[in-house]
Amino acid sequence: MEERELKALQIAAKSKLTRKGKNWLVPSQSIRGAQYTVKPDPIEPLCSCPDFESRKQRCKHIFAVEYTIEREQIRRQSVGGQFPLGISHGQQLQKKRR
């Protein structure tokens, strides 16, 4: 897992990500009060942060939104606290990433 993905896990766990239609607002970790807009399209995701705008590759904000969406989907699928097919949340996320 690369550094951006690790930071994204922290963002997804500790920050309030807000869904606005098809987009998400993700708070900046370095600029107090700033937010970035993320469009989590599976084929061509977008983010308004400087990292994405310069590299045109998934940034920590896009990863954070993807983790949040995955977590919500897994919660909806779980029945009585059990994950589908007897696998853990971490295993579910890793399996999907491959």
PDB file of N, CA and C in Angstrom:
ATOM      1  N   MET A   1       0.853  -1.169   0.000  1.00  0.00           N
ATOM      2  CA  MET A   1       0.000   0.000   0.000  1.00  0.00           C
ATOM      3  C   MET A   1       0.898   1.231   0.000  1.00  0.00           C
ATOM      4  N   GLU A   2       0.646   2.143  -0.893  1.00  0.00           N
ATOM      5  CA  GLU A   2       1.479   3.345  -1.005  1.00  0.00           C
ATOM      6  C   GLU A   2       1.056   4.408   0.018  1.00  0.00           C
ATOM      7  N   GLU A   3       1.891   5.427   0.173  1.00  0.00           N
ATOM      8  CA  GLU A   3       1.664   6.460   1.181  1.00  0.00           C
ATOM      9  C   GLU A   3       0.318   7.172   1.003  1.00  0.00           C
ATOM     10  N   ARG A   4      -0.064   7.453  -0.230  1.00  0.00           N
ATOM     11  CA  ARG A   4      -1.345   8.131  -0.468  1.00  0.00           C
ATOM     12  C   ARG A   4      -2.515   7.284   0.040  1.00  0.00           C
ATOM     13  N   GLU A   5      -2.414   5.974  -0.149  1.00  0.00           N
ATOM     14  CA  GLU A   5      -3.480   5.087   0.310  1.00  0.00           C
ATOM     15  C   GLU A   5      -3.535   5.034   1.840  1.00  0.00           C
ATOM     16  N   LEU A   6      -2.382   5.039   2.488  1.00  0.00           N
ATOM     17  CA  LEU A   6      -2.341   5.047   3.952  1.00  0.00           C
ATOM     18  C   LEU A   6      -2.942   6.337   4.506  1.00  0.00           C
ATOM     19  N   LYS A   7      -2.589   7.465   3.906  1.00  0.00           N
ATOM     20  CA  LYS A   7      -3.162   8.744   4.329  1.00  0.00           C
ATOM     21  C   LYS A   7      -4.667   8.760   4.078  1.00  0.00           C
ATOM     22  N   ALA A   8      -5.088   8.144   2.987  1.00  0.00           N
ATOM     23  CA  ALA A   8      -6.512   8.085   2.666  1.00  0.00           C
ATOM     24  C   ALA A   8      -7.286   7.305   3.725  1.00  0.00           C
ATOM     25  N   LEU A   9      -6.700   6.230   4.226  1.00  0.00           N
ATOM     26  CA  LEU A   9      -7.353   5.468   5.291  1.00  0.00           C
ATOM     27  C   LEU A   9      -7.549   6.334   6.525  1.00  0.00           C
ATOM     28  N   GLN A  10      -6.553   7.163   6.844  1.00  0.00           N
ATOM     29  CA  GLN A  10      -6.672   8.073   7.980  1.00  0.00           C
ATOM     30  C   GLN A  10      -7.781   9.100   7.741  1.00  0.00           C
ATOM     31  N   ILE A  11      -7.833   9.647   6.538  1.00  0.00           N
ATOM     32  CA  ILE A  11      -8.868  10.628   6.199  1.00  0.00           C
ATOM     33  C   ILE A  11     -10.253   9.984   6.329  1.00  0.00           C
ATOM     34  N   ALA A  12     -10.401   8.796   5.760  1.00  0.00           N
ATOM     35  CA  ALA A  12     -11.695   8.107   5.790  1.00  0.00           C
ATOM     36  C   ALA A  12     -12.118   7.779   7.220  1.00  0.00           C
ATOM     37  N   ALA A  13     -11.148   7.490   8.073  1.00  0.00           N
ATOM     38  CA  ALA A  13     -11.462   7.112   9.452  1.00  0.00           C
ATOM     39  C   ALA A  13     -11.730   8.307  10.355  1.00  0.00           C
ATOM     40  N   LYS A  14     -11.043   9.423  10.128  1.00  0.00           N
ATOM     41  CA  LYS A  14     -11.079  10.534  11.083  1.00  0.00           C
ATOM     42  C   LYS A  14     -11.800  11.787  10.606  1.00  0.00           C
ATOM     43  N   SER A  15     -12.048  11.908   9.319  1.00  0.00           N
ATOM     44  CA  SER A  15     -12.619  13.142   8.781  1.00  0.00           C
ATOM     45  C   SER A  15     -14.057  12.934   8.337  1.00  0.00           C
ATOM     46  N   LYS A  16     -14.776  14.025   8.235  1.00  0.00           N
ATOM     47  CA  LYS A  16     -16.150  13.977   7.747  1.00  0.00           C
ATOM     48  C   LYS A  16     -16.153  14.232   6.245  1.00  0.00           C
ATOM     49  N   LEU A  17     -16.437  13.198   5.495  1.00  0.00           N
ATOM     50  CA  LEU A  17     -16.583  13.309   4.047  1.00  0.00           C
ATOM     51  C   LEU A  17     -18.068  13.493   3.761  1.00  0.00           C
ATOM     52  N   THR A  18     -18.392  14.434   2.893  1.00  0.00           N
ATOM     53  CA  THR A  18     -19.785  14.781   2.637  1.00  0.00           C
ATOM     54  C   THR A  18     -20.141  14.517   1.186  1.00  0.00           C
ATOM     55  N   ARG A  19     -21.217  13.773   0.990  1.00  0.00           N
ATOM     56  CA  ARG A  19     -21.688  13.494  -0.364  1.00  0.00           C
ATOM     57  C   ARG A  19     -22.556  14.652  -0.830  1.00  0.00           C
ATOM     58  N   LYS A  20     -22.275  15.155  -2.038  1.00  0.00           N
ATOM     59  CA  LYS A  20     -23.076  16.208  -2.670  1.00  0.00           C
ATOM     60  C   LYS A  20     -23.453  15.722  -4.070  1.00  0.00           C
ATOM     61  N   GLY A  21     -24.580  15.051  -4.176  1.00  0.00           N
ATOM     62  CA  GLY A  21     -24.967  14.471  -5.463  1.00  0.00           C
ATOM     63  C   GLY A  21     -24.000  13.356  -5.832  1.00  0.00           C
ATOM     64  N   LYS A  22     -23.377  13.472  -6.998  1.00  0.00           N
ATOM     65  CA  LYS A  22     -22.405  12.461  -7.440  1.00  0.00           C
ATOM     66  C   LYS A  22     -20.998  12.780  -6.944  1.00  0.00           C
ATOM     67  N   ASN A  23     -20.808  13.949  -6.371  1.00  0.00           N
ATOM     68  CA  ASN A  23     -19.495  14.373  -5.877  1.00  0.00           C
ATOM     69  C   ASN A  23     -19.418  14.246  -4.364  1.00  0.00           C
ATOM     70  N   TRP A  24     -18.198  14.309  -3.857  1.00  0.00           N
ATOM     71  CA  TRP A  24     -17.937  14.285  -2.421  1.00  0.00           C
ATOM     72  C   TRP A  24     -17.052  15.470  -2.065  1.00  0.00           C
ATOM     73  N   LEU A  25     -17.242  16.024  -0.882  1.00  0.00           N
ATOM     74  CA  LEU A  25     -16.366  17.057  -0.345  1.00  0.00           C
ATOM     75  C   LEU A  25     -15.474  16.414   0.708  1.00  0.00           C
ATOM     76  N   VAL A  26     -14.171  16.588   0.519  1.00  0.00           N
ATOM     77  CA  VAL A  26     -13.192  15.989   1.420  1.00  0.00           C
ATOM     78  C   VAL A  26     -12.341  17.106   2.011  1.00  0.00           C
ATOM     79  N   PRO A  27     -12.246  17.174   3.344  1.00  0.00           N
ATOM     80  CA  PRO A  27     -11.462  18.250   3.945  1.00  0.00           C
ATOM     81  C   PRO A  27      -9.968  18.108   3.648  1.00  0.00           C
ATOM     82  N   SER A  28      -9.325  19.245   3.470  1.00  0.00           N
ATOM     83  CA  SER A  28      -7.878  19.277   3.294  1.00  0.00           C
ATOM     84  C   SER A  28      -7.214  18.922   4.609  1.00  0.00           C
ATOM     85  N   GLN A  29      -6.118  18.202   4.535  1.00  0.00           N
ATOM     86  CA  GLN A  29      -5.358  17.858   5.733  1.00  0.00           C
ATOM     87  C   GLN A  29      -4.316  18.915   6.059  1.00  0.00           C
ATOM     88  N   SER A  30      -4.029  19.800   5.106  1.00  0.00           N
ATOM     89  CA  SER A  30      -2.968  20.788   5.309  1.00  0.00           C
ATOM     90  C   SER A  30      -3.464  22.239   5.367  1.00  0.00           C
ATOM     91  N   ILE A  31      -4.651  22.514   4.813  1.00  0.00           N
ATOM     92  CA  ILE A  31      -5.175  23.881   4.800  1.00  0.00           C
ATOM     93  C   ILE A  31      -6.473  23.910   5.603  1.00  0.00           C
ATOM     94  N   ARG A  32      -6.421  24.542   6.753  1.00  0.00           N
ATOM     95  CA  ARG A  32      -7.583  24.587   7.645  1.00  0.00           C
ATOM     96  C   ARG A  32      -8.796  25.201   6.938  1.00  0.00           C
ATOM     97  N   GLY A  33      -9.922  24.466   6.979  1.00  0.00           N
ATOM     98  CA  GLY A  33     -11.167  24.953   6.400  1.00  0.00           C
ATOM     99  C   GLY A  33     -11.333  24.694   4.906  1.00  0.00           C
ATOM    100  N   ALA A  34     -10.270  24.265   4.246  1.00  0.00           N
ATOM    101  CA  ALA A  34     -10.361  24.000   2.800  1.00  0.00           C
ATOM    102  C   ALA A  34     -10.962  22.616   2.552  1.00  0.00           C
ATOM    103  N   GLN A  35     -11.636  22.487   1.436  1.00  0.00           N
ATOM    104  CA  GLN A  35     -12.204  21.212   1.009  1.00  0.00           C
ATOM    105  C   GLN A  35     -11.894  20.989  -0.456  1.00  0.00           C
ATOM    106  N   TYR A  36     -11.785  19.730  -0.819  1.00  0.00           N
ATOM    107  CA  TYR A  36     -11.588  19.371  -2.220  1.00  0.00           C
ATOM    108  C   TYR A  36     -12.811  18.607  -2.698  1.00  0.00           C
ATOM    109  N   THR A  37     -13.158  18.831  -3.948  1.00  0.00           N
ATOM    110  CA  THR A  37     -14.288  18.137  -4.545  1.00  0.00           C
ATOM    111  C   THR A  37     -13.772  16.916  -5.287  1.00  0.00           C
ATOM    112  N   VAL A  38     -14.357  15.772  -4.973  1.00  0.00           N
ATOM    113  CA  VAL A  38     -13.963  14.502  -5.589  1.00  0.00           C
ATOM    114  C   VAL A  38     -15.146  13.939  -6.354  1.00  0.00           C
ATOM    115  N   LYS A  39     -14.884  13.530  -7.587  1.00  0.00           N
ATOM    116  CA  LYS A  39     -15.866  12.809  -8.398  1.00  0.00           C
ATOM    117  C   LYS A  39     -15.336  11.379  -8.514  1.00  0.00           C
ATOM    118  N   PRO A  40     -15.916  10.438  -7.767  1.00  0.00           N
ATOM    119  CA  PRO A  40     -15.349   9.081  -7.719  1.00  0.00           C
ATOM    120  C   PRO A  40     -15.786   8.181  -8.867  1.00  0.00           C
ATOM    121  N   ASP A  41     -15.600   8.626 -10.069  1.00  0.00           N
ATOM    122  CA  ASP A  41     -15.932   7.814 -11.239  1.00  0.00           C
ATOM    123  C   ASP A  41     -14.956   6.638 -11.301  1.00  0.00           C
ATOM    124  N   PRO A  42     -15.443   5.400 -11.457  1.00  0.00           N
ATOM    125  CA  PRO A  42     -14.541   4.242 -11.469  1.00  0.00           C
ATOM    126  C   PRO A  42     -13.520   4.262 -12.608  1.00  0.00           C
ATOM    127  N   ILE A  43     -13.875   4.879 -13.721  1.00  0.00           N
ATOM    128  CA  ILE A  43     -12.973   4.901 -14.875  1.00  0.00           C
ATOM    129  C   ILE A  43     -12.098   6.149 -14.883  1.00  0.00           C
ATOM    130  N   GLU A  44     -12.699   7.287 -14.583  1.00  0.00           N
ATOM    131  CA  GLU A  44     -11.953   8.544 -14.632  1.00  0.00           C
ATOM    132  C   GLU A  44     -12.301   9.429 -13.428  1.00  0.00           C
ATOM    133  N   PRO A  45     -11.767   9.076 -12.241  1.00  0.00           N
ATOM    134  CA  PRO A  45     -12.055   9.892 -11.060  1.00  0.00           C
ATOM    135  C   PRO A  45     -11.365  11.250 -11.155  1.00  0.00           C
ATOM    136  N   LEU A  46     -11.955  12.239 -10.487  1.00  0.00           N
ATOM    137  CA  LEU A  46     -11.399  13.593 -10.495  1.00  0.00           C
ATOM    138  C   LEU A  46     -11.329  14.131  -9.072  1.00  0.00           C
ATOM    139  N   CYS A  47     -10.352  15.007  -8.828  1.00  0.00           N
ATOM    140  CA  CYS A  47     -10.248  15.719  -7.560  1.00  0.00           C
ATOM    141  C   CYS A  47      -9.718  17.120  -7.854  1.00  0.00           C
ATOM    142  N   SER A  48     -10.169  18.068  -7.053  1.00  0.00           N
ATOM    143  CA  SER A  48      -9.741  19.452  -7.263  1.00  0.00           C
ATOM    144  C   SER A  48      -8.450  19.804  -6.525  1.00  0.00           C
ATOM    145  N   CYS A  49      -7.804  18.830  -5.880  1.00  0.00           N
ATOM    146  CA  CYS A  49      -6.568  19.123  -5.140  1.00  0.00           C
ATOM    147  C   CYS A  49      -5.370  19.305  -6.081  1.00  0.00           C
ATOM    148  N   PRO A  50      -4.340  20.006  -5.615  1.00  0.00           N
ATOM    149  CA  PRO A  50      -3.149  20.229  -6.450  1.00  0.00           C
ATOM    150  C   PRO A  50      -2.429  18.940  -6.850  1.00  0.00           C
ATOM    151  N   ASP A  51      -2.404  17.940  -5.964  1.00  0.00           N
ATOM    152  CA  ASP A  51      -1.731  16.674  -6.282  1.00  0.00           C
ATOM    153  C   ASP A  51      -2.372  16.011  -7.490  1.00  0.00           C
ATOM    154  N   PHE A  52      -3.705  15.909  -7.490  1.00  0.00           N
ATOM    155  CA  PHE A  52      -4.383  15.288  -8.627  1.00  0.00           C
ATOM    156  C   PHE A  52      -4.223  16.130  -9.881  1.00  0.00           C
ATOM    157  N   GLU A  53      -4.358  17.436  -9.736  1.00  0.00           N
ATOM    158  CA  GLU A  53      -4.276  18.307 -10.910  1.00  0.00           C
ATOM    159  C   GLU A  53      -2.901  18.244 -11.572  1.00  0.00           C
ATOM    160  N   SER A  54      -1.848  18.002 -10.798  1.00  0.00           N
ATOM    161  CA  SER A  54      -0.512  17.919 -11.401  1.00  0.00           C
ATOM    162  C   SER A  54      -0.184  16.513 -11.906  1.00  0.00           C
ATOM    163  N   ARG A  55      -0.628  15.463 -11.190  1.00  0.00           N
ATOM    164  CA  ARG A  55      -0.264  14.084 -11.568  1.00  0.00           C
ATOM    165  C   ARG A  55      -1.301  13.388 -12.439  1.00  0.00           C
ATOM    166  N   LYS A  56      -2.563  13.809 -12.328  1.00  0.00           N
ATOM    167  CA  LYS A  56      -3.671  13.159 -13.047  1.00  0.00           C
ATOM    168  C   LYS A  56      -3.783  11.682 -12.696  1.00  0.00           C
ATOM    169  N   GLN A  57      -3.482  11.362 -11.420  1.00  0.00           N
ATOM    170  CA  GLN A  57      -3.618  10.002 -10.900  1.00  0.00           C
ATOM    171  C   GLN A  57      -4.334  10.082  -9.564  1.00  0.00           C
ATOM    172  N   ARG A  58      -4.873   8.949  -9.113  1.00  0.00           N
ATOM    173  CA  ARG A  58      -5.610   8.928  -7.843  1.00  0.00           C
ATOM    174  C   ARG A  58      -4.787   9.538  -6.713  1.00  0.00           C
ATOM    175  N   CYS A  59      -5.423  10.473  -6.006  1.00  0.00           N
ATOM    176  CA  CYS A  59      -4.805  11.125  -4.855  1.00  0.00           C
ATOM    177  C   CYS A  59      -5.413  10.550  -3.577  1.00  0.00           C
ATOM    178  N   LYS A  60      -4.916  11.009  -2.427  1.00  0.00           N
ATOM    179  CA  LYS A  60      -5.421  10.503  -1.149  1.00  0.00           C
ATOM    180  C   LYS A  60      -6.905  10.825  -0.959  1.00  0.00           C
ATOM    181  N   HIS A  61      -7.382  11.906  -1.552  1.00  0.00           N
ATOM    182  CA  HIS A  61      -8.794  12.276  -1.407  1.00  0.00           C
ATOM    183  C   HIS A  61      -9.698  11.310  -2.181  1.00  0.00           C
ATOM    184  N   ILE A  62      -9.271  10.937  -3.379  1.00  0.00           N
ATOM    185  CA  ILE A  62     -10.032   9.964  -4.174  1.00  0.00           C
ATOM    186  C   ILE A  62     -10.033   8.619  -3.461  1.00  0.00           C
ATOM    187  N   PHE A  63      -8.859   8.177  -2.989  1.00  0.00           N
ATOM    188  CA  PHE A  63      -8.786   6.915  -2.252  1.00  0.00           C
ATOM    189  C   PHE A  63      -9.689   6.959  -1.024  1.00  0.00           C
ATOM    190  N   ALA A  64      -9.706   8.083  -0.294  1.00  0.00           N
ATOM    191  CA  ALA A  64     -10.526   8.207   0.914  1.00  0.00           C
ATOM    192  C   ALA A  64     -12.012   8.055   0.583  1.00  0.00           C
ATOM    193  N   VAL A  65     -12.444   8.667  -0.505  1.00  0.00           N
ATOM    194  CA  VAL A  65     -13.849   8.536  -0.922  1.00  0.00           C
ATOM    195  C   VAL A  65     -14.137   7.092  -1.318  1.00  0.00           C
ATOM    196  N   GLU A  66     -13.232   6.464  -2.053  1.00  0.00           N
ATOM    197  CA  GLU A  66     -13.437   5.067  -2.450  1.00  0.00           C
ATOM    198  C   GLU A  66     -13.534   4.165  -1.225  1.00  0.00           C
ATOM    199  N   TYR A  67     -12.666   4.367  -0.228  1.00  0.00           N
ATOM    200  CA  TYR A  67     -12.726   3.571   1.006  1.00  0.00           C
ATOM    201  C   TYR A  67     -14.043   3.798   1.738  1.00  0.00           C
ATOM    202  N   THR A  68     -14.496   5.049   1.766  1.00  0.00           N
ATOM    203  CA  THR A  68     -15.745   5.379   2.452  1.00  0.00           C
ATOM    204  C   THR A  68     -16.929   4.711   1.755  1.00  0.00           C
ATOM    205  N   ILE A  69     -16.951   4.754   0.438  1.00  0.00           N
ATOM    206  CA  ILE A  69     -18.025   4.108  -0.329  1.00  0.00           C
ATOM    207  C   ILE A  69     -18.003   2.602  -0.087  1.00  0.00           C
ATOM    208  N   GLU A  70     -16.815   2.001  -0.128  1.00  0.00           N
ATOM    209  CA  GLU A  70     -16.689   0.556   0.112  1.00  0.00           C
ATOM    210  C   GLU A  70     -17.178   0.194   1.512  1.00  0.00           C
ATOM    211  N   ARG A  71     -16.797   0.994   2.485  1.00  0.00           N
ATOM    212  CA  ARG A  71     -17.203   0.743   3.874  1.00  0.00           C
ATOM    213  C   ARG A  71     -18.730   0.793   3.992  1.00  0.00           C
ATOM    214  N   GLU A  72     -19.356   1.785   3.347  1.00  0.00           N
ATOM    215  CA  GLU A  72     -20.816   1.894   3.380  1.00  0.00           C
ATOM    216  C   GLU A  72     -21.481   0.698   2.710  1.00  0.00           C
ATOM    217  N   GLN A  73     -20.928   0.247   1.595  1.00  0.00           N
ATOM    218  CA  GLN A  73     -21.490  -0.908   0.897  1.00  0.00           C
ATOM    219  C   GLN A  73     -21.377  -2.166   1.750  1.00  0.00           C
ATOM    220  N   ILE A  74     -20.255  -2.340   2.403  1.00  0.00           N
ATOM    221  CA  ILE A  74     -20.050  -3.514   3.253  1.00  0.00           C
ATOM    222  C   ILE A  74     -21.006  -3.477   4.445  1.00  0.00           C
ATOM    223  N   ARG A  75     -21.190  -2.297   5.021  1.00  0.00           N
ATOM    224  CA  ARG A  75     -22.141  -2.175   6.142  1.00  0.00           C
ATOM    225  C   ARG A  75     -23.548  -2.546   5.713  1.00  0.00           C
ATOM    226  N   ARG A  76     -23.934  -2.128   4.514  1.00  0.00           N
ATOM    227  CA  ARG A  76     -25.273  -2.459   4.023  1.00  0.00           C
ATOM    228  C   ARG A  76     -25.413  -3.961   3.777  1.00  0.00           C
ATOM    229  N   GLN A  77     -24.324  -4.613   3.361  1.00  0.00           N
ATOM    230  CA  GLN A  77     -24.366  -6.038   3.052  1.00  0.00           C
ATOM    231  C   GLN A  77     -24.287  -6.902   4.300  1.00  0.00           C
ATOM    232  N   SER A  78     -23.722  -6.366   5.365  1.00  0.00           N
ATOM    233  CA  SER A  78     -23.531  -7.181   6.566  1.00  0.00           C
ATOM    234  C   SER A  78     -24.884  -7.473   7.214  1.00  0.00           C
ATOM    235  N   VAL A  79     -24.972  -8.643   7.767  1.00  0.00           N
ATOM    236  CA  VAL A  79     -26.195  -9.065   8.435  1.00  0.00           C
ATOM    237  C   VAL A  79     -25.826  -9.453   9.861  1.00  0.00           C
ATOM    238  N   GLY A  80     -26.372  -8.726  10.828  1.00  0.00           N
ATOM    239  CA  GLY A  80     -26.088  -9.041  12.222  1.00  0.00           C
ATOM    240  C   GLY A  80     -24.619  -8.933  12.571  1.00  0.00           C
ATOM    241  N   GLY A  81     -23.902  -8.018  11.906  1.00  0.00           N
ATOM    242  CA  GLY A  81     -22.484  -7.830  12.196  1.00  0.00           C
ATOM    243  C   GLY A  81     -21.563  -8.794  11.475  1.00  0.00           C
ATOM    244  N   GLN A  82     -22.116  -9.720  10.711  1.00  0.00           N
ATOM    245  CA  GLN A  82     -21.295 -10.682   9.970  1.00  0.00           C
ATOM    246  C   GLN A  82     -21.080 -10.181   8.551  1.00  0.00           C
ATOM    247  N   PHE A  83     -19.868 -10.301   8.056  1.00  0.00           N
ATOM    248  CA  PHE A  83     -19.577  -9.894   6.687  1.00  0.00           C
ATOM    249  C   PHE A  83     -19.905 -11.030   5.728  1.00  0.00           C
ATOM    250  N   PRO A  84     -20.274 -10.694   4.498  1.00  0.00           N
ATOM    251  CA  PRO A  84     -20.605 -11.729   3.520  1.00  0.00           C
ATOM    252  C   PRO A  84     -19.471 -12.730   3.350  1.00  0.00           C
ATOM    253  N   LEU A  85     -19.813 -13.967   3.210  1.00  0.00           N
ATOM    254  CA  LEU A  85     -18.865 -15.060   2.969  1.00  0.00           C
ATOM    255  C   LEU A  85     -17.867 -15.241   4.111  1.00  0.00           C
ATOM    256  N   GLY A  86     -18.155 -14.667   5.281  1.00  0.00           N
ATOM    257  CA  GLY A  86     -17.301 -14.870   6.445  1.00  0.00           C
ATOM    258  C   GLY A  86     -15.958 -14.167   6.378  1.00  0.00           C
ATOM    259  N   ILE A  87     -15.816 -13.135   5.559  1.00  0.00           N
ATOM    260  CA  ILE A  87     -14.544 -12.435   5.479  1.00  0.00           C
ATOM    261  C   ILE A  87     -14.626 -11.112   6.217  1.00  0.00           C
ATOM    262  N   SER A  88     -13.480 -10.624   6.652  1.00  0.00           N
ATOM    263  CA  SER A  88     -13.440  -9.392   7.430  1.00  0.00           C
ATOM    264  C   SER A  88     -13.490  -8.167   6.520  1.00  0.00           C
ATOM    265  N   HIS A  89     -13.731  -7.013   7.131  1.00  0.00           N
ATOM    266  CA  HIS A  89     -13.773  -5.742   6.401  1.00  0.00           C
ATOM    267  C   HIS A  89     -12.459  -5.495   5.674  1.00  0.00           C
ATOM    268  N   GLY A  90     -11.327  -5.669   6.352  1.00  0.00           N
ATOM    269  CA  GLY A  90     -10.019  -5.461   5.730  1.00  0.00           C
ATOM    270  C   GLY A  90      -9.788  -6.378   4.542  1.00  0.00           C
ATOM    271  N   GLN A  91     -10.196  -7.642   4.687  1.00  0.00           N
ATOM    272  CA  GLN A  91     -10.044  -8.586   3.584  1.00  0.00           C
ATOM    273  C   GLN A  91     -10.927  -8.185   2.408  1.00  0.00           C
ATOM    274  N   GLN A  92     -12.126  -7.696   2.707  1.00  0.00           N
ATOM    275  CA  GLN A  92     -13.041  -7.256   1.647  1.00  0.00           C
ATOM    276  C   GLN A  92     -12.416  -6.112   0.859  1.00  0.00           C
ATOM    277  N   LEU A  93     -11.824  -5.115   1.555  1.00  0.00           N
ATOM    278  CA  LEU A  93     -11.212  -3.977   0.880  1.00  0.00           C
ATOM    279  C   LEU A  93     -10.007  -4.416   0.055  1.00  0.00           C
ATOM    280  N   GLN A  94      -9.146  -5.277   0.628  1.00  0.00           N
ATOM    281  CA  GLN A  94      -7.960  -5.729  -0.091  1.00  0.00           C
ATOM    282  C   GLN A  94      -8.351  -6.525  -1.331  1.00  0.00           C
ATOM    283  N   LYS A  95      -9.362  -7.371  -1.206  1.00  0.00           N
ATOM    284  CA  LYS A  95      -9.807  -8.188  -2.340  1.00  0.00           C
ATOM    285  C   LYS A  95     -10.285  -7.307  -3.484  1.00  0.00           C
ATOM    286  N   LYS A  96     -11.027  -6.260  -3.170  1.00  0.00           N
ATOM    287  CA  LYS A  96     -11.554  -5.372  -4.201  1.00  0.00           C
ATOM    288  C   LYS A  96     -10.428  -4.576  -4.880  1.00  0.00           C
ATOM    289  N   ARG A  97      -9.379  -4.213  -4.152  1.00  0.00           N
ATOM    290  CA  ARG A  97      -8.277  -3.416  -4.685  1.00  0.00           C
ATOM    291  C   ARG A  97      -7.448  -4.179  -5.713  1.00  0.00           C
ATOM    292  N   ARG A  98      -7.422  -5.501  -5.623  1.00  0.00           N
ATOM    293  CA  ARG A  98      -6.554  -6.314  -6.507  1.00  0.00           C
ATOM    294  C   ARG A  98      -7.036  -6.376  -7.893  1.00  0.00           C
TER     295      ARG A  98
END
